[in-house]
């Protein structure tokens, strides 16, 4: 499925899991995209974002600030359940806020 992320052609509350691996930093309209993710995720659905948080994994790879990413996720009406560091990555596991 292709989409700019702001108007995903899926029914509301129809998705169990959204997994973004090293692409969140490319999203231009993160607030609108997170709002759309909230629309299509089921109430118990999960949003998992994996991003590089430490230099050195790939030359030139954009490094994300974990606190900034956490703030964006929570501003997007998600609750960050946990952030798991794995090597040079951060795995951000979130659920929809009630």
PDB file of N, CA and C in Angstrom:
ATOM      1  N   UNK A   1       0.843  -1.159   0.000  1.00  0.00           N
ATOM      2  CA  UNK A   1       0.000   0.000   0.000  1.00  0.00           C
ATOM      3  C   UNK A   1       0.898   1.235   0.000  1.00  0.00           C
ATOM      4  N   UNK A   2       0.589   2.187  -0.848  1.00  0.00           N
ATOM      5  CA  UNK A   2       1.301   3.455  -0.867  1.00  0.00           C
ATOM      6  C   UNK A   2       0.403   4.537  -0.310  1.00  0.00           C
ATOM      7  N   UNK A   3       1.005   5.414   0.462  1.00  0.00           N
ATOM      8  CA  UNK A   3       0.248   6.516   1.047  1.00  0.00           C
ATOM      9  C   UNK A   3       1.239   7.550   1.557  1.00  0.00           C
ATOM     10  N   UNK A   4       0.801   8.794   1.612  1.00  0.00           N
ATOM     11  CA  UNK A   4       1.638   9.806   2.252  1.00  0.00           C
ATOM     12  C   UNK A   4       1.444   9.764   3.768  1.00  0.00           C
ATOM     13  N   UNK A   5       0.571   8.883   4.234  1.00  0.00           N
ATOM     14  CA  UNK A   5       0.356   8.682   5.659  1.00  0.00           C
ATOM     15  C   UNK A   5      -0.722   9.545   6.270  1.00  0.00           C
ATOM     16  N   UNK A   6      -1.220  10.535   5.542  1.00  0.00           N
ATOM     17  CA  UNK A   6      -2.225  11.418   6.119  1.00  0.00           C
ATOM     18  C   UNK A   6      -3.645  11.062   5.719  1.00  0.00           C
ATOM     19  N   UNK A   7      -3.794  10.143   4.744  1.00  0.00           N
ATOM     20  CA  UNK A   7      -5.125   9.731   4.293  1.00  0.00           C
ATOM     21  C   UNK A   7      -5.040   8.272   3.828  1.00  0.00           C
ATOM     22  N   UNK A   8      -4.877   7.383   4.782  1.00  0.00           N
ATOM     23  CA  UNK A   8      -4.702   5.964   4.483  1.00  0.00           C
ATOM     24  C   UNK A   8      -6.065   5.345   4.176  1.00  0.00           C
ATOM     25  N   UNK A   9      -6.155   4.654   3.073  1.00  0.00           N
ATOM     26  CA  UNK A   9      -7.428   4.105   2.603  1.00  0.00           C
ATOM     27  C   UNK A   9      -7.766   2.787   3.316  1.00  0.00           C
ATOM     28  N   UNK A  10      -7.934   2.879   4.621  1.00  0.00           N
ATOM     29  CA  UNK A  10      -8.363   1.763   5.454  1.00  0.00           C
ATOM     30  C   UNK A  10      -9.469   2.252   6.371  1.00  0.00           C
ATOM     31  N   UNK A  11     -10.309   1.324   6.785  1.00  0.00           N
ATOM     32  CA  UNK A  11     -11.388   1.668   7.702  1.00  0.00           C
ATOM     33  C   UNK A  11     -10.826   2.041   9.069  1.00  0.00           C
ATOM     34  N   UNK A  12     -11.567   2.853   9.789  1.00  0.00           N
ATOM     35  CA  UNK A  12     -11.193   3.221  11.152  1.00  0.00           C
ATOM     36  C   UNK A  12     -11.157   1.977  12.027  1.00  0.00           C
ATOM     37  N   UNK A  13     -10.222   1.958  12.948  1.00  0.00           N
ATOM     38  CA  UNK A  13     -10.080   0.869  13.928  1.00  0.00           C
ATOM     39  C   UNK A  13      -9.991  -0.497  13.265  1.00  0.00           C
ATOM     40  N   UNK A  14      -9.196  -0.608  12.204  1.00  0.00           N
ATOM     41  CA  UNK A  14      -9.108  -1.869  11.475  1.00  0.00           C
ATOM     42  C   UNK A  14      -7.707  -2.499  11.492  1.00  0.00           C
ATOM     43  N   UNK A  15      -6.743  -1.848  12.129  1.00  0.00           N
ATOM     44  CA  UNK A  15      -5.360  -2.310  12.075  1.00  0.00           C
ATOM     45  C   UNK A  15      -4.880  -2.684  13.478  1.00  0.00           C
ATOM     46  N   UNK A  16      -4.220  -3.840  13.573  1.00  0.00           N
ATOM     47  CA  UNK A  16      -3.681  -4.299  14.857  1.00  0.00           C
ATOM     48  C   UNK A  16      -2.323  -3.701  15.173  1.00  0.00           C
ATOM     49  N   UNK A  17      -1.493  -3.524  14.137  1.00  0.00           N
ATOM     50  CA  UNK A  17      -0.107  -3.126  14.357  1.00  0.00           C
ATOM     51  C   UNK A  17       0.382  -2.252  13.214  1.00  0.00           C
ATOM     52  N   UNK A  18       1.062  -1.170  13.564  1.00  0.00           N
ATOM     53  CA  UNK A  18       1.781  -0.357  12.585  1.00  0.00           C
ATOM     54  C   UNK A  18       3.241  -0.418  12.984  1.00  0.00           C
ATOM     55  N   UNK A  19       4.084  -0.831  12.058  1.00  0.00           N
ATOM     56  CA  UNK A  19       5.519  -0.968  12.302  1.00  0.00           C
ATOM     57  C   UNK A  19       6.266  -0.069  11.328  1.00  0.00           C
ATOM     58  N   UNK A  20       6.992   0.888  11.868  1.00  0.00           N
ATOM     59  CA  UNK A  20       7.800   1.830  11.084  1.00  0.00           C
ATOM     60  C   UNK A  20       9.257   1.557  11.430  1.00  0.00           C
ATOM     61  N   UNK A  21      10.042   1.100  10.496  1.00  0.00           N
ATOM     62  CA  UNK A  21      11.453   0.797  10.774  1.00  0.00           C
ATOM     63  C   UNK A  21      12.336   1.746   9.968  1.00  0.00           C
ATOM     64  N   UNK A  22      13.011   2.603  10.664  1.00  0.00           N
ATOM     65  CA  UNK A  22      13.940   3.617  10.151  1.00  0.00           C
ATOM     66  C   UNK A  22      13.359   4.452   9.017  1.00  0.00           C
ATOM     67  N   UNK A  23      12.082   4.796   9.112  1.00  0.00           N
ATOM     68  CA  UNK A  23      11.457   5.690   8.133  1.00  0.00           C
ATOM     69  C   UNK A  23      10.733   6.866   8.787  1.00  0.00           C
ATOM     70  N   UNK A  24      10.498   6.825  10.078  1.00  0.00           N
ATOM     71  CA  UNK A  24       9.755   7.902  10.731  1.00  0.00           C
ATOM     72  C   UNK A  24      10.429   9.257  10.502  1.00  0.00           C
ATOM     73  N   UNK A  25      11.745   9.275  10.502  1.00  0.00           N
ATOM     74  CA  UNK A  25      12.469  10.537  10.308  1.00  0.00           C
ATOM     75  C   UNK A  25      12.206  11.152   8.930  1.00  0.00           C
ATOM     76  N   UNK A  26      11.681  10.369   7.986  1.00  0.00           N
ATOM     77  CA  UNK A  26      11.371  10.860   6.643  1.00  0.00           C
ATOM     78  C   UNK A  26       9.971  11.470   6.545  1.00  0.00           C
ATOM     79  N   UNK A  27       9.158  11.286   7.578  1.00  0.00           N
ATOM     80  CA  UNK A  27       7.780  11.779   7.565  1.00  0.00           C
ATOM     81  C   UNK A  27       7.792  13.295   7.716  1.00  0.00           C
ATOM     82  N   UNK A  28       7.208  13.964   6.755  1.00  0.00           N
ATOM     83  CA  UNK A  28       7.187  15.418   6.793  1.00  0.00           C
ATOM     84  C   UNK A  28       6.124  15.985   7.708  1.00  0.00           C
ATOM     85  N   UNK A  29       4.977  15.353   7.751  1.00  0.00           N
ATOM     86  CA  UNK A  29       3.845  15.840   8.542  1.00  0.00           C
ATOM     87  C   UNK A  29       3.572  14.854   9.682  1.00  0.00           C
ATOM     88  N   UNK A  30       4.505  14.766  10.618  1.00  0.00           N
ATOM     89  CA  UNK A  30       4.397  13.735  11.652  1.00  0.00           C
ATOM     90  C   UNK A  30       3.120  13.863  12.478  1.00  0.00           C
ATOM     91  N   UNK A  31       2.675  15.073  12.775  1.00  0.00           N
ATOM     92  CA  UNK A  31       1.454  15.242  13.565  1.00  0.00           C
ATOM     93  C   UNK A  31       0.245  14.668  12.834  1.00  0.00           C
ATOM     94  N   UNK A  32       0.117  14.973  11.545  1.00  0.00           N
ATOM     95  CA  UNK A  32      -1.007  14.469  10.744  1.00  0.00           C
ATOM     96  C   UNK A  32      -0.915  12.958  10.550  1.00  0.00           C
ATOM     97  N   UNK A  33       0.288  12.449  10.367  1.00  0.00           N
ATOM     98  CA  UNK A  33       0.483  11.006  10.181  1.00  0.00           C
ATOM     99  C   UNK A  33       0.120  10.253  11.456  1.00  0.00           C
ATOM    100  N   UNK A  34       0.566  10.739  12.602  1.00  0.00           N
ATOM    101  CA  UNK A  34       0.225  10.077  13.859  1.00  0.00           C
ATOM    102  C   UNK A  34      -1.282  10.130  14.113  1.00  0.00           C
ATOM    103  N   UNK A  35      -1.921  11.213  13.737  1.00  0.00           N
ATOM    104  CA  UNK A  35      -3.386  11.306  13.883  1.00  0.00           C
ATOM    105  C   UNK A  35      -4.059  10.242  13.020  1.00  0.00           C
ATOM    106  N   UNK A  36      -3.583  10.063  11.798  1.00  0.00           N
ATOM    107  CA  UNK A  36      -4.152   9.048  10.906  1.00  0.00           C
ATOM    108  C   UNK A  36      -3.885   7.645  11.434  1.00  0.00           C
ATOM    109  N   UNK A  37      -2.703   7.419  11.980  1.00  0.00           N
ATOM    110  CA  UNK A  37      -2.408   6.114  12.584  1.00  0.00           C
ATOM    111  C   UNK A  37      -3.386   5.838  13.723  1.00  0.00           C
ATOM    112  N   UNK A  38      -3.672   6.853  14.526  1.00  0.00           N
ATOM    113  CA  UNK A  38      -4.636   6.691  15.610  1.00  0.00           C
ATOM    114  C   UNK A  38      -6.022   6.340  15.094  1.00  0.00           C
ATOM    115  N   UNK A  39      -6.377   6.874  13.949  1.00  0.00           N
ATOM    116  CA  UNK A  39      -7.693   6.590  13.357  1.00  0.00           C
ATOM    117  C   UNK A  39      -7.794   5.143  12.910  1.00  0.00           C
ATOM    118  N   UNK A  40      -6.754   4.609  12.264  1.00  0.00           N
ATOM    119  CA  UNK A  40      -6.860   3.262  11.700  1.00  0.00           C
ATOM    120  C   UNK A  40      -6.514   2.155  12.686  1.00  0.00           C
ATOM    121  N   UNK A  41      -5.814   2.481  13.778  1.00  0.00           N
ATOM    122  CA  UNK A  41      -5.482   1.444  14.764  1.00  0.00           C
ATOM    123  C   UNK A  41      -6.702   1.055  15.590  1.00  0.00           C
ATOM    124  N   UNK A  42      -6.798  -0.228  15.866  1.00  0.00           N
ATOM    125  CA  UNK A  42      -7.821  -0.699  16.799  1.00  0.00           C
ATOM    126  C   UNK A  42      -7.522  -0.130  18.181  1.00  0.00           C
ATOM    127  N   UNK A  43      -8.509  -0.076  19.071  1.00  0.00           N
ATOM    128  CA  UNK A  43      -8.267   0.474  20.409  1.00  0.00           C
ATOM    129  C   UNK A  43      -7.094  -0.190  21.139  1.00  0.00           C
ATOM    130  N   UNK A  44      -6.914  -1.486  20.917  1.00  0.00           N
ATOM    131  CA  UNK A  44      -5.800  -2.193  21.570  1.00  0.00           C
ATOM    132  C   UNK A  44      -4.589  -2.309  20.649  1.00  0.00           C
ATOM    133  N   UNK A  45      -4.620  -1.601  19.518  1.00  0.00           N
ATOM    134  CA  UNK A  45      -3.542  -1.681  18.533  1.00  0.00           C
ATOM    135  C   UNK A  45      -2.232  -1.102  19.029  1.00  0.00           C
ATOM    136  N   UNK A  46      -1.158  -1.457  18.353  1.00  0.00           N
ATOM    137  CA  UNK A  46       0.192  -1.031  18.730  1.00  0.00           C
ATOM    138  C   UNK A  46       0.834  -0.251  17.588  1.00  0.00           C
ATOM    139  N   UNK A  47       1.578   0.764  17.968  1.00  0.00           N
ATOM    140  CA  UNK A  47       2.421   1.505  17.050  1.00  0.00           C
ATOM    141  C   UNK A  47       3.854   1.283  17.498  1.00  0.00           C
ATOM    142  N   UNK A  48       4.663   0.736  16.612  1.00  0.00           N
ATOM    143  CA  UNK A  48       6.072   0.506  16.929  1.00  0.00           C
ATOM    144  C   UNK A  48       6.912   1.273  15.923  1.00  0.00           C
ATOM    145  N   UNK A  49       7.758   2.134  16.456  1.00  0.00           N
ATOM    146  CA  UNK A  49       8.668   2.928  15.632  1.00  0.00           C
ATOM    147  C   UNK A  49      10.093   2.551  16.027  1.00  0.00           C
ATOM    148  N   UNK A  50      10.887   2.177  15.031  1.00  0.00           N
ATOM    149  CA  UNK A  50      12.293   1.841  15.251  1.00  0.00           C
ATOM    150  C   UNK A  50      13.126   2.895  14.538  1.00  0.00           C
ATOM    151  N   UNK A  51      14.010   3.553  15.277  1.00  0.00           N
ATOM    152  CA  UNK A  51      14.865   4.588  14.694  1.00  0.00           C
ATOM    153  C   UNK A  51      16.279   4.486  15.255  1.00  0.00           C
ATOM    154  N   UNK A  52      17.233   4.963  14.483  1.00  0.00           N
ATOM    155  CA  UNK A  52      18.624   5.041  14.925  1.00  0.00           C
ATOM    156  C   UNK A  52      18.706   6.134  15.991  1.00  0.00           C
ATOM    157  N   UNK A  53      19.281   5.797  17.155  1.00  0.00           N
ATOM    158  CA  UNK A  53      19.422   6.785  18.222  1.00  0.00           C
ATOM    159  C   UNK A  53      20.879   6.993  18.630  1.00  0.00           C
ATOM    160  N   UNK A  54      21.799   6.240  18.003  1.00  0.00           N
ATOM    161  CA  UNK A  54      23.237   6.402  18.284  1.00  0.00           C
ATOM    162  C   UNK A  54      24.002   6.378  16.975  1.00  0.00           C
ATOM    163  N   UNK A  55      24.990   7.221  16.886  1.00  0.00           N
ATOM    164  CA  UNK A  55      25.821   7.280  15.685  1.00  0.00           C
ATOM    165  C   UNK A  55      26.625   6.004  15.502  1.00  0.00           C
ATOM    166  N   UNK A  56      26.949   5.725  14.233  1.00  0.00           N
ATOM    167  CA  UNK A  56      27.890   4.666  13.949  1.00  0.00           C
ATOM    168  C   UNK A  56      27.327   3.449  13.247  1.00  0.00           C
ATOM    169  N   UNK A  57      26.006   3.327  13.176  1.00  0.00           N
ATOM    170  CA  UNK A  57      25.462   2.118  12.558  1.00  0.00           C
ATOM    171  C   UNK A  57      25.606   2.168  11.040  1.00  0.00           C
ATOM    172  N   UNK A  58      25.263   3.287  10.455  1.00  0.00           N
ATOM    173  CA  UNK A  58      25.440   3.502   9.020  1.00  0.00           C
ATOM    174  C   UNK A  58      26.031   4.890   8.846  1.00  0.00           C
ATOM    175  N   UNK A  59      27.091   5.026   8.072  1.00  0.00           N
ATOM    176  CA  UNK A  59      27.631   6.369   7.847  1.00  0.00           C
ATOM    177  C   UNK A  59      26.561   7.279   7.239  1.00  0.00           C
ATOM    178  N   UNK A  60      26.369   8.423   7.841  1.00  0.00           N
ATOM    179  CA  UNK A  60      25.397   9.389   7.325  1.00  0.00           C
ATOM    180  C   UNK A  60      23.957   9.142   7.730  1.00  0.00           C
ATOM    181  N   UNK A  61      23.696   8.065   8.468  1.00  0.00           N
ATOM    182  CA  UNK A  61      22.313   7.779   8.895  1.00  0.00           C
ATOM    183  C   UNK A  61      21.846   8.864   9.854  1.00  0.00           C
ATOM    184  N   UNK A  62      20.627   9.361   9.670  1.00  0.00           N
ATOM    185  CA  UNK A  62      20.112  10.375  10.597  1.00  0.00           C
ATOM    186  C   UNK A  62      19.894   9.769  11.978  1.00  0.00           C
ATOM    187  N   UNK A  63      20.357  10.463  12.988  1.00  0.00           N
ATOM    188  CA  UNK A  63      20.233  10.006  14.372  1.00  0.00           C
ATOM    189  C   UNK A  63      19.114  10.791  15.033  1.00  0.00           C
ATOM    190  N   UNK A  64      18.175  10.071  15.629  1.00  0.00           N
ATOM    191  CA  UNK A  64      17.012  10.700  16.267  1.00  0.00           C
ATOM    192  C   UNK A  64      17.261  10.880  17.759  1.00  0.00           C
ATOM    193  N   UNK A  65      16.763  11.975  18.282  1.00  0.00           N
ATOM    194  CA  UNK A  65      16.824  12.225  19.711  1.00  0.00           C
ATOM    195  C   UNK A  65      15.662  11.470  20.362  1.00  0.00           C
ATOM    196  N   UNK A  66      15.934  10.522  21.250  1.00  0.00           N
ATOM    197  CA  UNK A  66      14.846   9.729  21.846  1.00  0.00           C
ATOM    198  C   UNK A  66      13.800  10.572  22.572  1.00  0.00           C
ATOM    199  N   UNK A  67      14.216  11.631  23.254  1.00  0.00           N
ATOM    200  CA  UNK A  67      13.255  12.459  23.986  1.00  0.00           C
ATOM    201  C   UNK A  67      12.351  13.232  23.031  1.00  0.00           C
ATOM    202  N   UNK A  68      12.903  13.698  21.917  1.00  0.00           N
ATOM    203  CA  UNK A  68      12.098  14.403  20.924  1.00  0.00           C
ATOM    204  C   UNK A  68      11.084  13.461  20.296  1.00  0.00           C
ATOM    205  N   UNK A  69      11.536  12.257  19.959  1.00  0.00           N
ATOM    206  CA  UNK A  69      10.632  11.272  19.358  1.00  0.00           C
ATOM    207  C   UNK A  69       9.533  10.879  20.337  1.00  0.00           C
ATOM    208  N   UNK A  70       9.893  10.683  21.591  1.00  0.00           N
ATOM    209  CA  UNK A  70       8.900  10.367  22.619  1.00  0.00           C
ATOM    210  C   UNK A  70       7.852  11.480  22.715  1.00  0.00           C
ATOM    211  N   UNK A  71       8.303  12.735  22.714  1.00  0.00           N
ATOM    212  CA  UNK A  71       7.379  13.865  22.811  1.00  0.00           C
ATOM    213  C   UNK A  71       6.443  13.911  21.606  1.00  0.00           C
ATOM    214  N   UNK A  72       6.955  13.647  20.405  1.00  0.00           N
ATOM    215  CA  UNK A  72       6.110  13.641  19.206  1.00  0.00           C
ATOM    216  C   UNK A  72       5.070  12.531  19.276  1.00  0.00           C
ATOM    217  N   UNK A  73       5.487  11.352  19.702  1.00  0.00           N
ATOM    218  CA  UNK A  73       4.571  10.219  19.813  1.00  0.00           C
ATOM    219  C   UNK A  73       3.444  10.553  20.792  1.00  0.00           C
ATOM    220  N   UNK A  74       3.813  11.077  21.955  1.00  0.00           N
ATOM    221  CA  UNK A  74       2.802  11.375  22.973  1.00  0.00           C
ATOM    222  C   UNK A  74       1.920  12.553  22.563  1.00  0.00           C
ATOM    223  N   UNK A  75       2.458  13.511  21.828  1.00  0.00           N
ATOM    224  CA  UNK A  75       1.641  14.619  21.326  1.00  0.00           C
ATOM    225  C   UNK A  75       0.652  14.132  20.272  1.00  0.00           C
ATOM    226  N   UNK A  76       0.964  12.998  19.640  1.00  0.00           N
ATOM    227  CA  UNK A  76       0.092  12.412  18.627  1.00  0.00           C
ATOM    228  C   UNK A  76      -0.989  11.527  19.199  1.00  0.00           C
ATOM    229  N   UNK A  77      -1.284  11.672  20.490  1.00  0.00           N
ATOM    230  CA  UNK A  77      -2.333  10.926  21.177  1.00  0.00           C
ATOM    231  C   UNK A  77      -2.009   9.445  21.344  1.00  0.00           C
ATOM    232  N   UNK A  78      -0.716   9.165  21.509  1.00  0.00           N
ATOM    233  CA  UNK A  78      -0.270   7.818  21.828  1.00  0.00           C
ATOM    234  C   UNK A  78       0.419   7.831  23.177  1.00  0.00           C
ATOM    235  N   UNK A  79       0.378   6.696  23.838  1.00  0.00           N
ATOM    236  CA  UNK A  79       1.082   6.537  25.107  1.00  0.00           C
ATOM    237  C   UNK A  79       2.300   5.667  24.846  1.00  0.00           C
ATOM    238  N   UNK A  80       3.474   6.199  25.128  1.00  0.00           N
ATOM    239  CA  UNK A  80       4.696   5.407  24.971  1.00  0.00           C
ATOM    240  C   UNK A  80       4.752   4.407  26.111  1.00  0.00           C
ATOM    241  N   UNK A  81       4.594   3.135  25.783  1.00  0.00           N
ATOM    242  CA  UNK A  81       4.614   2.077  26.799  1.00  0.00           C
ATOM    243  C   UNK A  81       6.047   1.763  27.233  1.00  0.00           C
ATOM    244  N   UNK A  82       6.951   1.747  26.247  1.00  0.00           N
ATOM    245  CA  UNK A  82       8.354   1.512  26.567  1.00  0.00           C
ATOM    246  C   UNK A  82       9.237   1.882  25.391  1.00  0.00           C
ATOM    247  N   UNK A  83      10.478   2.230  25.723  1.00  0.00           N
ATOM    248  CA  UNK A  83      11.490   2.463  24.710  1.00  0.00           C
ATOM    249  C   UNK A  83      12.606   1.473  25.000  1.00  0.00           C
ATOM    250  N   UNK A  84      12.809   0.574  24.059  1.00  0.00           N
ATOM    251  CA  UNK A  84      13.816  -0.466  24.228  1.00  0.00           C
ATOM    252  C   UNK A  84      15.048  -0.126  23.406  1.00  0.00           C
ATOM    253  N   UNK A  85      16.181   0.065  24.049  1.00  0.00           N
ATOM    254  CA  UNK A  85      17.394   0.261  23.266  1.00  0.00           C
ATOM    255  C   UNK A  85      17.885  -1.084  22.735  1.00  0.00           C
ATOM    256  N   UNK A  86      18.293  -1.108  21.487  1.00  0.00           N
ATOM    257  CA  UNK A  86      18.853  -2.314  20.893  1.00  0.00           C
ATOM    258  C   UNK A  86      20.016  -1.889  20.007  1.00  0.00           C
ATOM    259  N   UNK A  87      21.211  -2.204  20.453  1.00  0.00           N
ATOM    260  CA  UNK A  87      22.422  -1.767  19.756  1.00  0.00           C
ATOM    261  C   UNK A  87      22.357  -0.253  19.567  1.00  0.00           C
ATOM    262  N   UNK A  88      22.280   0.228  18.347  1.00  0.00           N
ATOM    263  CA  UNK A  88      22.235   1.681  18.105  1.00  0.00           C
ATOM    264  C   UNK A  88      20.827   2.166  17.762  1.00  0.00           C
ATOM    265  N   UNK A  89      19.854   1.306  17.971  1.00  0.00           N
ATOM    266  CA  UNK A  89      18.468   1.626  17.666  1.00  0.00           C
ATOM    267  C   UNK A  89      17.675   1.892  18.942  1.00  0.00           C
ATOM    268  N   UNK A  90      16.570   2.599  18.781  1.00  0.00           N
ATOM    269  CA  UNK A  90      15.577   2.710  19.826  1.00  0.00           C
ATOM    270  C   UNK A  90      14.292   2.126  19.274  1.00  0.00           C
ATOM    271  N   UNK A  91      13.653   1.266  20.045  1.00  0.00           N
ATOM    272  CA  UNK A  91      12.377   0.668  19.643  1.00  0.00           C
ATOM    273  C   UNK A  91      11.309   1.285  20.541  1.00  0.00           C
ATOM    274  N   UNK A  92      10.454   2.109  19.942  1.00  0.00           N
ATOM    275  CA  UNK A  92       9.437   2.845  20.672  1.00  0.00           C
ATOM    276  C   UNK A  92       8.107   2.121  20.515  1.00  0.00           C
ATOM    277  N   UNK A  93       7.603   1.556  21.614  1.00  0.00           N
ATOM    278  CA  UNK A  93       6.362   0.770  21.605  1.00  0.00           C
ATOM    279  C   UNK A  93       5.246   1.605  22.249  1.00  0.00           C
ATOM    280  N   UNK A  94       4.201   1.856  21.466  1.00  0.00           N
ATOM    281  CA  UNK A  94       3.138   2.764  21.916  1.00  0.00           C
ATOM    282  C   UNK A  94       1.762   2.158  21.701  1.00  0.00           C
ATOM    283  N   UNK A  95       0.809   2.674  22.481  1.00  0.00           N
ATOM    284  CA  UNK A  95      -0.591   2.332  22.308  1.00  0.00           C
ATOM    285  C   UNK A  95      -1.391   3.631  22.233  1.00  0.00           C
ATOM    286  N   UNK A  96      -2.625   3.532  21.769  1.00  0.00           N
ATOM    287  CA  UNK A  96      -3.484   4.709  21.708  1.00  0.00           C
ATOM    288  C   UNK A  96      -3.870   5.128  23.116  1.00  0.00           C
ATOM    289  N   UNK A  97      -3.946   6.449  23.329  1.00  0.00           N
ATOM    290  CA  UNK A  97      -4.444   6.940  24.606  1.00  0.00           C
ATOM    291  C   UNK A  97      -5.946   6.740  24.654  1.00  0.00           C
ATOM    292  N   UNK A  98      -6.435   6.463  25.830  1.00  0.00           N
ATOM    293  CA  UNK A  98      -7.883   6.236  26.001  1.00  0.00           C
ATOM    294  C   UNK A  98      -8.664   7.510  25.877  1.00  0.00           C
TER     295      UNK A  98
END
